[in-house]
Amino acid sequence: MAQQHTPKQKAKELYIYYFVLFSDVDYVIAKKKAKMCVRKTLEEILGLVSNDLDLYYKDCIYYEQVATELEKL
């Protein structure tokens, strides 16, 4: 997979995607729910790529960095 975004950009992109879905609720709740959804998404991606060594070296590290950047938002 060719990454078009830095891990920080990807974390923010995913976070905003989910945050918009919860925009009709309180800001604090929307923020928590958005992060929860991104974490689950990243867990699923990491679970898939960790089963393939070729993908692991290319993508797993990238998505682990995305997860780290998510926590900074």
PDB file of N, CA and C in Angstrom:
ATOM      1  N   MET A   1       0.832  -1.181   0.000  1.00  0.00           N
ATOM      2  CA  MET A   1       0.000   0.000   0.000  1.00  0.00           C
ATOM      3  C   MET A   1       0.873   1.240   0.000  1.00  0.00           C
ATOM      4  N   ALA A   2       0.627   2.135  -0.877  1.00  0.00           N
ATOM      5  CA  ALA A   2       1.365   3.385  -0.913  1.00  0.00           C
ATOM      6  C   ALA A   2       0.655   4.397  -0.023  1.00  0.00           C
ATOM      7  N   GLN A   3       1.331   4.793   1.042  1.00  0.00           N
ATOM      8  CA  GLN A   3       0.720   5.760   1.938  1.00  0.00           C
ATOM      9  C   GLN A   3       0.772   7.140   1.306  1.00  0.00           C
ATOM     10  N   GLN A   4      -0.376   7.780   1.278  1.00  0.00           N
ATOM     11  CA  GLN A   4      -0.458   9.113   0.722  1.00  0.00           C
ATOM     12  C   GLN A   4      -0.433  10.157   1.834  1.00  0.00           C
ATOM     13  N   HIS A   5      -0.558   9.714   3.058  1.00  0.00           N
ATOM     14  CA  HIS A   5      -0.611  10.616   4.201  1.00  0.00           C
ATOM     15  C   HIS A   5       0.428  10.209   5.225  1.00  0.00           C
ATOM     16  N   THR A   6       0.863  11.181   6.000  1.00  0.00           N
ATOM     17  CA  THR A   6       1.701  10.845   7.146  1.00  0.00           C
ATOM     18  C   THR A   6       0.798  10.168   8.172  1.00  0.00           C
ATOM     19  N   PRO A   7       1.370   9.462   9.147  1.00  0.00           N
ATOM     20  CA  PRO A   7       0.526   8.866  10.186  1.00  0.00           C
ATOM     21  C   PRO A   7      -0.343   9.908  10.894  1.00  0.00           C
ATOM     22  N   LYS A   8       0.205  11.090  11.131  1.00  0.00           N
ATOM     23  CA  LYS A   8      -0.559  12.155  11.791  1.00  0.00           C
ATOM     24  C   LYS A   8      -1.755  12.569  10.925  1.00  0.00           C
ATOM     25  N   GLN A   9      -1.536  12.735   9.629  1.00  0.00           N
ATOM     26  CA  GLN A   9      -2.620  13.114   8.716  1.00  0.00           C
ATOM     27  C   GLN A   9      -3.690  12.028   8.651  1.00  0.00           C
ATOM     28  N   LYS A  10      -3.278  10.768   8.596  1.00  0.00           N
ATOM     29  CA  LYS A  10      -4.228   9.660   8.520  1.00  0.00           C
ATOM     30  C   LYS A  10      -5.047   9.569   9.808  1.00  0.00           C
ATOM     31  N   ALA A  11      -4.399   9.745  10.961  1.00  0.00           N
ATOM     32  CA  ALA A  11      -5.123   9.721  12.229  1.00  0.00           C
ATOM     33  C   ALA A  11      -6.180  10.819  12.250  1.00  0.00           C
ATOM     34  N   LYS A  12      -5.813  11.995  11.816  1.00  0.00           N
ATOM     35  CA  LYS A  12      -6.761  13.115  11.809  1.00  0.00           C
ATOM     36  C   LYS A  12      -7.890  12.873  10.813  1.00  0.00           C
ATOM     37  N   GLU A  13      -7.562  12.325   9.645  1.00  0.00           N
ATOM     38  CA  GLU A  13      -8.585  12.024   8.634  1.00  0.00           C
ATOM     39  C   GLU A  13      -9.613  11.030   9.179  1.00  0.00           C
ATOM     40  N   LEU A  14      -9.145   9.953   9.781  1.00  0.00           N
ATOM     41  CA  LEU A  14     -10.051   8.954  10.336  1.00  0.00           C
ATOM     42  C   LEU A  14     -10.861   9.524  11.495  1.00  0.00           C
ATOM     43  N   TYR A  15     -10.193  10.285  12.344  1.00  0.00           N
ATOM     44  CA  TYR A  15     -10.872  10.889  13.488  1.00  0.00           C
ATOM     45  C   TYR A  15     -11.996  11.817  13.023  1.00  0.00           C
ATOM     46  N   ILE A  16     -11.711  12.674  12.074  1.00  0.00           N
ATOM     47  CA  ILE A  16     -12.727  13.615  11.576  1.00  0.00           C
ATOM     48  C   ILE A  16     -13.881  12.864  10.935  1.00  0.00           C
ATOM     49  N   TYR A  17     -13.581  11.810  10.195  1.00  0.00           N
ATOM     50  CA  TYR A  17     -14.637  11.006   9.566  1.00  0.00           C
ATOM     51  C   TYR A  17     -15.643  10.534  10.606  1.00  0.00           C
ATOM     52  N   TYR A  18     -15.147   9.950  11.689  1.00  0.00           N
ATOM     53  CA  TYR A  18     -16.048   9.438  12.724  1.00  0.00           C
ATOM     54  C   TYR A  18     -16.644  10.560  13.570  1.00  0.00           C
ATOM     55  N   PHE A  19     -15.869  11.608  13.826  1.00  0.00           N
ATOM     56  CA  PHE A  19     -16.384  12.716  14.629  1.00  0.00           C
ATOM     57  C   PHE A  19     -17.628  13.323  13.982  1.00  0.00           C
ATOM     58  N   VAL A  20     -17.611  13.459  12.677  1.00  0.00           N
ATOM     59  CA  VAL A  20     -18.758  14.012  11.952  1.00  0.00           C
ATOM     60  C   VAL A  20     -19.992  13.128  12.149  1.00  0.00           C
ATOM     61  N   LEU A  21     -19.792  11.840  12.206  1.00  0.00           N
ATOM     62  CA  LEU A  21     -20.919  10.927  12.420  1.00  0.00           C
ATOM     63  C   LEU A  21     -21.600  11.159  13.762  1.00  0.00           C
ATOM     64  N   PHE A  22     -20.838  11.629  14.739  1.00  0.00           N
ATOM     65  CA  PHE A  22     -21.380  11.863  16.079  1.00  0.00           C
ATOM     66  C   PHE A  22     -21.575  13.344  16.378  1.00  0.00           C
ATOM     67  N   SER A  23     -21.560  14.170  15.371  1.00  0.00           N
ATOM     68  CA  SER A  23     -21.605  15.618  15.582  1.00  0.00           C
ATOM     69  C   SER A  23     -22.916  16.112  16.185  1.00  0.00           C
ATOM     70  N   ASP A  24     -23.932  15.263  16.215  1.00  0.00           N
ATOM     71  CA  ASP A  24     -25.214  15.684  16.782  1.00  0.00           C
ATOM     72  C   ASP A  24     -25.269  15.513  18.302  1.00  0.00           C
ATOM     73  N   VAL A  25     -24.202  14.993  18.898  1.00  0.00           N
ATOM     74  CA  VAL A  25     -24.168  14.833  20.352  1.00  0.00           C
ATOM     75  C   VAL A  25     -23.149  15.803  20.944  1.00  0.00           C
ATOM     76  N   ASP A  26     -23.060  15.803  22.250  1.00  0.00           N
ATOM     77  CA  ASP A  26     -22.109  16.652  22.970  1.00  0.00           C
ATOM     78  C   ASP A  26     -20.699  16.474  22.409  1.00  0.00           C
ATOM     79  N   TYR A  27     -19.930  17.568  22.356  1.00  0.00           N
ATOM     80  CA  TYR A  27     -18.575  17.559  21.800  1.00  0.00           C
ATOM     81  C   TYR A  27     -17.686  16.522  22.475  1.00  0.00           C
ATOM     82  N   VAL A  28     -17.700  16.490  23.800  1.00  0.00           N
ATOM     83  CA  VAL A  28     -16.835  15.562  24.540  1.00  0.00           C
ATOM     84  C   VAL A  28     -17.211  14.115  24.215  1.00  0.00           C
ATOM     85  N   ILE A  29     -18.499  13.849  24.155  1.00  0.00           N
ATOM     86  CA  ILE A  29     -18.961  12.497  23.817  1.00  0.00           C
ATOM     87  C   ILE A  29     -18.587  12.148  22.382  1.00  0.00           C
ATOM     88  N   ALA A  30     -18.776  13.088  21.462  1.00  0.00           N
ATOM     89  CA  ALA A  30     -18.428  12.857  20.058  1.00  0.00           C
ATOM     90  C   ALA A  30     -16.946  12.557  19.918  1.00  0.00           C
ATOM     91  N   LYS A  31     -16.117  13.296  20.642  1.00  0.00           N
ATOM     92  CA  LYS A  31     -14.667  13.084  20.589  1.00  0.00           C
ATOM     93  C   LYS A  31     -14.305  11.685  21.084  1.00  0.00           C
ATOM     94  N   LYS A  32     -14.881  11.279  22.214  1.00  0.00           N
ATOM     95  CA  LYS A  32     -14.599   9.945  22.765  1.00  0.00           C
ATOM     96  C   LYS A  32     -15.067   8.835  21.828  1.00  0.00           C
ATOM     97  N   LYS A  33     -16.273   8.993  21.289  1.00  0.00           N
ATOM     98  CA  LYS A  33     -16.804   7.967  20.389  1.00  0.00           C
ATOM     99  C   LYS A  33     -15.993   7.887  19.094  1.00  0.00           C
ATOM    100  N   ALA A  34     -15.578   9.032  18.584  1.00  0.00           N
ATOM    101  CA  ALA A  34     -14.775   9.042  17.356  1.00  0.00           C
ATOM    102  C   ALA A  34     -13.462   8.309  17.576  1.00  0.00           C
ATOM    103  N   LYS A  35     -12.791   8.597  18.689  1.00  0.00           N
ATOM    104  CA  LYS A  35     -11.528   7.921  18.977  1.00  0.00           C
ATOM    105  C   LYS A  35     -11.738   6.419  19.157  1.00  0.00           C
ATOM    106  N   MET A  36     -12.822   6.049  19.815  1.00  0.00           N
ATOM    107  CA  MET A  36     -13.126   4.643  20.016  1.00  0.00           C
ATOM    108  C   MET A  36     -13.295   3.937  18.661  1.00  0.00           C
ATOM    109  N   CYS A  37     -13.990   4.568  17.745  1.00  0.00           N
ATOM    110  CA  CYS A  37     -14.205   3.978  16.421  1.00  0.00           C
ATOM    111  C   CYS A  37     -12.906   3.872  15.631  1.00  0.00           C
ATOM    112  N   VAL A  38     -12.072   4.892  15.716  1.00  0.00           N
ATOM    113  CA  VAL A  38     -10.787   4.839  15.005  1.00  0.00           C
ATOM    114  C   VAL A  38      -9.923   3.737  15.592  1.00  0.00           C
ATOM    115  N   ARG A  39      -9.911   3.619  16.917  1.00  0.00           N
ATOM    116  CA  ARG A  39      -9.126   2.540  17.542  1.00  0.00           C
ATOM    117  C   ARG A  39      -9.574   1.171  17.036  1.00  0.00           C
ATOM    118  N   LYS A  40     -10.876   0.969  16.964  1.00  0.00           N
ATOM    119  CA  LYS A  40     -11.399  -0.318  16.485  1.00  0.00           C
ATOM    120  C   LYS A  40     -11.018  -0.542  15.031  1.00  0.00           C
ATOM    121  N   THR A  41     -11.116   0.492  14.217  1.00  0.00           N
ATOM    122  CA  THR A  41     -10.727   0.396  12.814  1.00  0.00           C
ATOM    123  C   THR A  41      -9.255   0.001  12.698  1.00  0.00           C
ATOM    124  N   LEU A  42      -8.405   0.661  13.480  1.00  0.00           N
ATOM    125  CA  LEU A  42      -6.975   0.356  13.443  1.00  0.00           C
ATOM    126  C   LEU A  42      -6.686  -1.056  13.942  1.00  0.00           C
ATOM    127  N   GLU A  43      -7.407  -1.502  14.966  1.00  0.00           N
ATOM    128  CA  GLU A  43      -7.244  -2.884  15.435  1.00  0.00           C
ATOM    129  C   GLU A  43      -7.553  -3.876  14.325  1.00  0.00           C
ATOM    130  N   GLU A  44      -8.621  -3.620  13.584  1.00  0.00           N
ATOM    131  CA  GLU A  44      -9.002  -4.504  12.479  1.00  0.00           C
ATOM    132  C   GLU A  44      -7.928  -4.507  11.392  1.00  0.00           C
ATOM    133  N   ILE A  45      -7.447  -3.329  11.028  1.00  0.00           N
ATOM    134  CA  ILE A  45      -6.398  -3.237   9.994  1.00  0.00           C
ATOM    135  C   ILE A  45      -5.144  -3.954  10.454  1.00  0.00           C
ATOM    136  N   LEU A  46      -4.721  -3.686  11.680  1.00  0.00           N
ATOM    137  CA  LEU A  46      -3.504  -4.320  12.195  1.00  0.00           C
ATOM    138  C   LEU A  46      -3.660  -5.833  12.290  1.00  0.00           C
ATOM    139  N   GLY A  47      -4.843  -6.290  12.621  1.00  0.00           N
ATOM    140  CA  GLY A  47      -5.091  -7.727  12.668  1.00  0.00           C
ATOM    141  C   GLY A  47      -4.953  -8.370  11.305  1.00  0.00           C
ATOM    142  N   LEU A  48      -5.393  -7.672  10.282  1.00  0.00           N
ATOM    143  CA  LEU A  48      -5.293  -8.203   8.926  1.00  0.00           C
ATOM    144  C   LEU A  48      -3.862  -8.187   8.410  1.00  0.00           C
ATOM    145  N   VAL A  49      -3.167  -7.060   8.576  1.00  0.00           N
ATOM    146  CA  VAL A  49      -1.827  -6.968   8.010  1.00  0.00           C
ATOM    147  C   VAL A  49      -0.799  -7.747   8.813  1.00  0.00           C
ATOM    148  N   SER A  50      -1.058  -7.993  10.091  1.00  0.00           N
ATOM    149  CA  SER A  50      -0.079  -8.726  10.887  1.00  0.00           C
ATOM    150  C   SER A  50      -0.028 -10.203  10.511  1.00  0.00           C
ATOM    151  N   ASN A  51      -1.022 -10.683   9.792  1.00  0.00           N
ATOM    152  CA  ASN A  51      -1.032 -12.082   9.349  1.00  0.00           C
ATOM    153  C   ASN A  51      -0.262 -12.292   8.053  1.00  0.00           C
ATOM    154  N   ASP A  52       0.224 -11.232   7.441  1.00  0.00           N
ATOM    155  CA  ASP A  52       0.954 -11.310   6.178  1.00  0.00           C
ATOM    156  C   ASP A  52       2.268 -10.564   6.359  1.00  0.00           C
ATOM    157  N   LEU A  53       3.373 -11.294   6.352  1.00  0.00           N
ATOM    158  CA  LEU A  53       4.668 -10.669   6.621  1.00  0.00           C
ATOM    159  C   LEU A  53       5.000  -9.549   5.646  1.00  0.00           C
ATOM    160  N   ASP A  54       4.669  -9.704   4.374  1.00  0.00           N
ATOM    161  CA  ASP A  54       4.941  -8.643   3.406  1.00  0.00           C
ATOM    162  C   ASP A  54       4.185  -7.371   3.773  1.00  0.00           C
ATOM    163  N   LEU A  55       2.919  -7.518   4.112  1.00  0.00           N
ATOM    164  CA  LEU A  55       2.127  -6.358   4.512  1.00  0.00           C
ATOM    165  C   LEU A  55       2.599  -5.808   5.852  1.00  0.00           C
ATOM    166  N   TYR A  56       3.021  -6.699   6.730  1.00  0.00           N
ATOM    167  CA  TYR A  56       3.424  -6.266   8.061  1.00  0.00           C
ATOM    168  C   TYR A  56       4.526  -5.215   7.976  1.00  0.00           C
ATOM    169  N   TYR A  57       5.554  -5.515   7.251  1.00  0.00           N
ATOM    170  CA  TYR A  57       6.689  -4.598   7.202  1.00  0.00           C
ATOM    171  C   TYR A  57       6.344  -3.301   6.488  1.00  0.00           C
ATOM    172  N   LYS A  58       5.403  -3.350   5.573  1.00  0.00           N
ATOM    173  CA  LYS A  58       5.041  -2.151   4.817  1.00  0.00           C
ATOM    174  C   LYS A  58       3.989  -1.320   5.533  1.00  0.00           C
ATOM    175  N   ASP A  59       2.989  -1.965   6.109  1.00  0.00           N
ATOM    176  CA  ASP A  59       1.822  -1.246   6.598  1.00  0.00           C
ATOM    177  C   ASP A  59       1.615  -1.278   8.108  1.00  0.00           C
ATOM    178  N   CYS A  60       1.990  -2.332   8.753  1.00  0.00           N
ATOM    179  CA  CYS A  60       1.703  -2.462  10.185  1.00  0.00           C
ATOM    180  C   CYS A  60       2.380  -1.348  10.971  1.00  0.00           C
ATOM    181  N   ILE A  61       3.602  -1.076  10.671  1.00  0.00           N
ATOM    182  CA  ILE A  61       4.325  -0.015  11.367  1.00  0.00           C
ATOM    183  C   ILE A  61       3.641   1.326  11.123  1.00  0.00           C
ATOM    184  N   TYR A  62       3.208   1.559   9.891  1.00  0.00           N
ATOM    185  CA  TYR A  62       2.502   2.804   9.548  1.00  0.00           C
ATOM    186  C   TYR A  62       1.245   2.955  10.399  1.00  0.00           C
ATOM    187  N   TYR A  63       0.425   1.901  10.472  1.00  0.00           N
ATOM    188  CA  TYR A  63      -0.826   2.001  11.220  1.00  0.00           C
ATOM    189  C   TYR A  63      -0.602   2.044  12.734  1.00  0.00           C
ATOM    190  N   GLU A  64       0.490   1.488  13.209  1.00  0.00           N
ATOM    191  CA  GLU A  64       0.832   1.652  14.621  1.00  0.00           C
ATOM    192  C   GLU A  64       1.167   3.120  14.898  1.00  0.00           C
ATOM    193  N   GLN A  65       1.837   3.762  13.953  1.00  0.00           N
ATOM    194  CA  GLN A  65       2.140   5.190  14.095  1.00  0.00           C
ATOM    195  C   GLN A  65       0.858   6.022  14.040  1.00  0.00           C
ATOM    196  N   VAL A  66      -0.094   5.608  13.191  1.00  0.00           N
ATOM    197  CA  VAL A  66      -1.387   6.302  13.120  1.00  0.00           C
ATOM    198  C   VAL A  66      -2.071   6.215  14.479  1.00  0.00           C
ATOM    199  N   ALA A  67      -2.051   5.051  15.099  1.00  0.00           N
ATOM    200  CA  ALA A  67      -2.668   4.865  16.413  1.00  0.00           C
ATOM    201  C   ALA A  67      -2.013   5.778  17.459  1.00  0.00           C
ATOM    202  N   THR A  68      -0.705   5.908  17.393  1.00  0.00           N
ATOM    203  CA  THR A  68       0.002   6.800  18.314  1.00  0.00           C
ATOM    204  C   THR A  68      -0.427   8.246  18.101  1.00  0.00           C
ATOM    205  N   GLU A  69      -0.538   8.654  16.849  1.00  0.00           N
ATOM    206  CA  GLU A  69      -0.951  10.030  16.542  1.00  0.00           C
ATOM    207  C   GLU A  69      -2.397  10.294  16.961  1.00  0.00           C
ATOM    208  N   LEU A  70      -3.241   9.276  16.874  1.00  0.00           N
ATOM    209  CA  LEU A  70      -4.639   9.434  17.290  1.00  0.00           C
ATOM    210  C   LEU A  70      -4.722   9.864  18.750  1.00  0.00           C
ATOM    211  N   GLU A  71      -3.880   9.285  19.579  1.00  0.00           N
ATOM    212  CA  GLU A  71      -3.913   9.599  21.005  1.00  0.00           C
ATOM    213  C   GLU A  71      -3.514  11.040  21.284  1.00  0.00           C
ATOM    214  N   LYS A  72      -2.840  11.671  20.355  1.00  0.00           N
ATOM    215  CA  LYS A  72      -2.425  13.067  20.527  1.00  0.00           C
ATOM    216  C   LYS A  72      -3.530  14.053  20.152  1.00  0.00           C
ATOM    217  N   LEU A  73      -4.573  13.563  19.488  1.00  0.00           N
ATOM    218  CA  LEU A  73      -5.655  14.462  19.065  1.00  0.00           C
ATOM    219  C   LEU A  73      -6.554  14.833  20.234  1.00  0.00           C
TER     220      LEU A  73
END
